[in-house]
């Protein structure tokens, strides 16, 4: 299953934001609509990772994207996707 053609630009815009800011936010409803799904599956996340690698590449040793679920329910409504390579320990910033 791939992203619907009419939403491809929206996904690429989110990935551009991720590239420039280090993070982007996906809402559950966006992903369900974009991928024409009833529920989020690994296929959706794999497609996002594959699209990221297709557009920006994945250099050797580079960590894959990571996802923060913004609530602890069985169906989180908001997800923050981050570039794992840009994570820093808070103690390192002090």
N, C-alpha and C. Protein backbone atom coordinates (compact mmCIF):
# COMPACT_ATOMS: atom_id res chain seq x y z
N UNK A 1 0.87 -1.18 0.00
CA UNK A 1 0.00 0.00 0.00
C UNK A 1 0.90 1.23 0.00
N UNK A 2 0.63 2.13 -0.89
CA UNK A 2 1.40 3.37 -0.93
C UNK A 2 0.48 4.55 -0.65
N UNK A 3 1.11 5.67 -0.43
CA UNK A 3 0.35 6.89 -0.18
C UNK A 3 -0.47 7.22 -1.43
N UNK A 4 -1.69 7.70 -1.21
CA UNK A 4 -2.53 8.10 -2.34
C UNK A 4 -1.82 9.20 -3.12
N UNK A 5 -1.96 9.17 -4.42
CA UNK A 5 -1.28 10.12 -5.30
C UNK A 5 -1.55 11.57 -4.90
N UNK A 6 -2.79 11.89 -4.55
CA UNK A 6 -3.13 13.28 -4.23
C UNK A 6 -2.51 13.75 -2.91
N UNK A 7 -2.01 12.82 -2.08
CA UNK A 7 -1.38 13.19 -0.82
C UNK A 7 0.14 13.08 -0.85
N UNK A 8 0.69 12.67 -1.96
CA UNK A 8 2.15 12.49 -2.06
C UNK A 8 2.90 13.78 -1.73
N UNK A 9 2.41 14.90 -2.24
CA UNK A 9 3.08 16.18 -1.98
C UNK A 9 3.00 16.54 -0.50
N UNK A 10 1.88 16.24 0.14
CA UNK A 10 1.73 16.51 1.58
C UNK A 10 2.75 15.70 2.38
N UNK A 11 2.94 14.43 2.02
CA UNK A 11 3.93 13.60 2.70
C UNK A 11 5.33 14.16 2.46
N UNK A 12 5.63 14.54 1.23
CA UNK A 12 6.95 15.08 0.93
C UNK A 12 7.20 16.39 1.66
N UNK A 13 6.16 17.20 1.84
CA UNK A 13 6.29 18.44 2.61
C UNK A 13 6.64 18.14 4.06
N UNK A 14 5.99 17.13 4.64
CA UNK A 14 6.32 16.73 6.02
C UNK A 14 7.76 16.24 6.09
N UNK A 15 8.20 15.50 5.09
CA UNK A 15 9.58 15.00 5.10
C UNK A 15 10.58 16.14 4.91
N UNK A 16 10.22 17.16 4.13
CA UNK A 16 11.07 18.36 4.02
C UNK A 16 11.20 19.04 5.37
N UNK A 17 10.09 19.17 6.09
CA UNK A 17 10.12 19.76 7.42
C UNK A 17 11.02 18.93 8.34
N UNK A 18 10.90 17.62 8.28
CA UNK A 18 11.73 16.73 9.08
C UNK A 18 13.21 16.93 8.75
N UNK A 19 13.51 17.08 7.49
CA UNK A 19 14.90 17.28 7.06
C UNK A 19 15.47 18.60 7.59
N UNK A 20 14.70 19.66 7.53
CA UNK A 20 15.20 20.98 7.92
C UNK A 20 15.11 21.25 9.42
N UNK A 21 14.07 20.75 10.07
CA UNK A 21 13.88 21.03 11.49
C UNK A 21 14.32 19.88 12.40
N UNK A 22 14.45 18.69 11.84
CA UNK A 22 14.82 17.53 12.65
C UNK A 22 13.62 16.77 13.18
N UNK A 23 12.42 17.31 13.00
CA UNK A 23 11.21 16.64 13.45
C UNK A 23 10.02 17.11 12.61
N UNK A 24 8.98 16.31 12.64
CA UNK A 24 7.69 16.69 12.07
C UNK A 24 6.61 15.98 12.85
N UNK A 25 5.40 16.47 12.74
CA UNK A 25 4.28 15.90 13.48
C UNK A 25 3.27 15.34 12.49
N UNK A 26 2.90 14.09 12.73
CA UNK A 26 1.84 13.44 11.96
C UNK A 26 0.65 13.22 12.88
N UNK A 27 -0.52 13.56 12.41
CA UNK A 27 -1.75 13.25 13.12
C UNK A 27 -2.29 11.93 12.57
N UNK A 28 -2.92 11.15 13.43
CA UNK A 28 -3.46 9.85 13.02
C UNK A 28 -4.38 9.99 11.79
N UNK A 29 -5.27 10.98 11.83
CA UNK A 29 -6.23 11.13 10.72
C UNK A 29 -5.52 11.37 9.40
N UNK A 30 -4.38 12.11 9.43
CA UNK A 30 -3.63 12.36 8.19
C UNK A 30 -3.14 11.04 7.60
N UNK A 31 -2.50 10.25 8.43
CA UNK A 31 -1.92 8.99 7.95
C UNK A 31 -3.00 8.04 7.46
N UNK A 32 -4.11 7.96 8.18
CA UNK A 32 -5.20 7.09 7.75
C UNK A 32 -5.75 7.54 6.41
N UNK A 33 -5.92 8.84 6.22
CA UNK A 33 -6.44 9.36 4.96
C UNK A 33 -5.42 9.19 3.84
N UNK A 34 -4.17 9.57 4.10
CA UNK A 34 -3.15 9.52 3.06
C UNK A 34 -2.91 8.11 2.55
N UNK A 35 -2.99 7.12 3.45
CA UNK A 35 -2.69 5.74 3.07
C UNK A 35 -3.94 4.90 2.88
N UNK A 36 -5.12 5.54 2.98
CA UNK A 36 -6.40 4.86 2.78
C UNK A 36 -6.51 3.61 3.67
N UNK A 37 -6.27 3.81 4.95
CA UNK A 37 -6.26 2.71 5.93
C UNK A 37 -7.34 2.94 6.97
N UNK A 38 -7.75 1.85 7.62
CA UNK A 38 -8.67 1.91 8.76
C UNK A 38 -7.88 2.02 10.07
N UNK A 39 -6.65 1.49 10.05
CA UNK A 39 -5.77 1.57 11.22
C UNK A 39 -4.33 1.66 10.76
N UNK A 40 -3.49 2.19 11.63
CA UNK A 40 -2.07 2.33 11.29
C UNK A 40 -1.37 0.98 11.44
N UNK A 41 -0.60 0.65 10.46
CA UNK A 41 0.16 -0.61 10.48
C UNK A 41 1.63 -0.32 10.20
N UNK A 42 2.45 -1.34 10.32
CA UNK A 42 3.87 -1.19 10.01
C UNK A 42 4.10 -0.78 8.57
N UNK A 43 3.18 -1.13 7.69
CA UNK A 43 3.31 -0.77 6.27
C UNK A 43 3.36 0.75 6.10
N UNK A 44 2.55 1.47 6.86
CA UNK A 44 2.54 2.94 6.79
C UNK A 44 3.88 3.49 7.22
N UNK A 45 4.39 3.03 8.35
CA UNK A 45 5.67 3.53 8.85
C UNK A 45 6.82 3.14 7.92
N UNK A 46 6.75 1.96 7.35
CA UNK A 46 7.79 1.52 6.40
C UNK A 46 7.77 2.41 5.16
N UNK A 47 6.57 2.77 4.69
CA UNK A 47 6.45 3.64 3.51
C UNK A 47 7.06 5.02 3.80
N UNK A 48 6.82 5.53 5.00
CA UNK A 48 7.39 6.83 5.38
C UNK A 48 8.91 6.74 5.41
N UNK A 49 9.45 5.68 6.03
CA UNK A 49 10.91 5.49 6.08
C UNK A 49 11.47 5.33 4.67
N UNK A 50 10.81 4.53 3.83
CA UNK A 50 11.28 4.33 2.45
C UNK A 50 11.25 5.64 1.66
N UNK A 51 10.20 6.43 1.84
CA UNK A 51 10.11 7.73 1.15
C UNK A 51 11.24 8.65 1.61
N UNK A 52 11.52 8.65 2.91
CA UNK A 52 12.61 9.45 3.47
C UNK A 52 13.93 9.06 2.80
N UNK A 53 14.20 7.75 2.76
CA UNK A 53 15.46 7.28 2.19
C UNK A 53 15.53 7.57 0.69
N UNK A 54 14.40 7.49 0.00
CA UNK A 54 14.36 7.78 -1.43
C UNK A 54 14.69 9.25 -1.70
N UNK A 55 14.18 10.14 -0.88
CA UNK A 55 14.37 11.57 -1.09
C UNK A 55 15.72 12.05 -0.56
N UNK A 56 16.08 11.63 0.66
CA UNK A 56 17.26 12.18 1.32
C UNK A 56 18.40 11.18 1.48
N UNK A 57 18.15 9.92 1.17
CA UNK A 57 19.19 8.91 1.30
C UNK A 57 19.42 8.52 2.75
N UNK A 58 20.15 7.46 2.94
CA UNK A 58 20.53 6.99 4.28
C UNK A 58 21.98 6.59 4.19
N UNK A 59 22.83 7.43 4.79
CA UNK A 59 24.26 7.18 4.74
C UNK A 59 24.62 6.04 5.68
N UNK A 60 25.75 5.41 5.39
CA UNK A 60 26.21 4.31 6.23
C UNK A 60 26.39 4.78 7.67
N UNK A 61 25.85 4.02 8.59
CA UNK A 61 25.96 4.36 10.00
C UNK A 61 24.89 5.33 10.49
N UNK A 62 24.13 5.89 9.58
CA UNK A 62 23.07 6.82 9.97
C UNK A 62 21.91 6.05 10.59
N UNK A 63 21.37 6.58 11.66
CA UNK A 63 20.25 5.93 12.34
C UNK A 63 18.96 6.18 11.58
N UNK A 64 18.03 5.22 11.65
CA UNK A 64 16.73 5.43 11.00
C UNK A 64 15.90 6.46 11.78
N UNK A 65 14.80 6.85 11.20
CA UNK A 65 13.89 7.78 11.88
C UNK A 65 13.31 7.12 13.12
N UNK A 66 12.90 7.93 14.08
CA UNK A 66 12.26 7.42 15.28
C UNK A 66 10.92 8.12 15.46
N UNK A 67 10.02 7.46 16.18
CA UNK A 67 8.68 7.98 16.39
C UNK A 67 8.40 8.09 17.89
N UNK A 68 7.85 9.23 18.28
CA UNK A 68 7.37 9.43 19.64
C UNK A 68 5.85 9.40 19.58
N UNK A 69 5.24 8.49 20.34
CA UNK A 69 3.78 8.47 20.46
C UNK A 69 3.44 9.47 21.55
N UNK A 70 2.57 10.42 21.24
CA UNK A 70 2.33 11.53 22.15
C UNK A 70 1.31 11.25 23.25
N UNK A 71 0.72 10.08 23.23
CA UNK A 71 -0.12 9.68 24.36
C UNK A 71 -0.02 8.17 24.51
N UNK A 72 -0.44 7.67 25.65
CA UNK A 72 -0.24 6.26 25.96
C UNK A 72 -1.45 5.39 25.66
N UNK A 73 -2.38 5.90 24.87
CA UNK A 73 -3.54 5.10 24.51
C UNK A 73 -3.14 4.04 23.50
N UNK A 74 -4.04 3.08 23.27
CA UNK A 74 -3.73 2.04 22.29
C UNK A 74 -3.75 2.58 20.87
N UNK A 75 -4.38 3.74 20.67
CA UNK A 75 -4.42 4.39 19.35
C UNK A 75 -4.01 5.85 19.48
N UNK A 76 -2.70 6.11 19.64
CA UNK A 76 -2.27 7.51 19.77
C UNK A 76 -2.76 8.35 18.60
N UNK A 77 -3.07 9.60 18.88
CA UNK A 77 -3.60 10.50 17.86
C UNK A 77 -2.53 11.36 17.22
N UNK A 78 -1.40 11.51 17.90
CA UNK A 78 -0.33 12.38 17.40
C UNK A 78 1.01 11.64 17.52
N UNK A 79 1.82 11.77 16.47
CA UNK A 79 3.13 11.15 16.43
C UNK A 79 4.15 12.20 16.02
N UNK A 80 5.25 12.25 16.74
CA UNK A 80 6.36 13.12 16.36
C UNK A 80 7.44 12.21 15.77
N UNK A 81 7.81 12.48 14.54
CA UNK A 81 8.87 11.71 13.88
C UNK A 81 10.12 12.56 13.94
N UNK A 82 11.22 11.95 14.38
CA UNK A 82 12.47 12.69 14.57
C UNK A 82 13.62 12.00 13.85
N UNK A 83 14.63 12.80 13.54
CA UNK A 83 15.88 12.26 13.01
C UNK A 83 16.70 11.82 14.22
N UNK A 84 16.90 10.55 14.37
CA UNK A 84 17.60 10.01 15.53
C UNK A 84 19.02 10.56 15.66
N UNK A 85 19.65 10.87 14.54
CA UNK A 85 21.03 11.38 14.57
C UNK A 85 21.13 12.77 15.21
N UNK A 86 20.01 13.46 15.33
CA UNK A 86 20.04 14.82 15.88
C UNK A 86 19.67 14.88 17.35
N UNK A 87 19.45 13.72 17.97
CA UNK A 87 19.10 13.69 19.39
C UNK A 87 20.34 13.95 20.23
N UNK A 88 20.16 14.78 21.23
CA UNK A 88 21.25 15.06 22.17
C UNK A 88 20.75 14.87 23.58
N UNK A 89 21.63 14.47 24.45
CA UNK A 89 21.29 14.36 25.87
C UNK A 89 21.15 15.75 26.44
N UNK A 90 20.17 15.95 27.30
CA UNK A 90 19.93 17.26 27.88
C UNK A 90 21.14 17.73 28.69
N UNK A 91 21.81 16.79 29.36
CA UNK A 91 23.00 17.14 30.14
C UNK A 91 24.12 17.72 29.26
N UNK A 92 24.15 17.32 27.99
CA UNK A 92 25.16 17.83 27.08
C UNK A 92 24.92 19.29 26.70
N UNK A 93 23.68 19.77 26.90
CA UNK A 93 23.32 21.12 26.54
C UNK A 93 23.51 22.12 27.68
N UNK A 94 23.73 21.59 28.85
CA UNK A 94 23.85 22.45 30.03
C UNK A 94 25.25 23.01 30.14
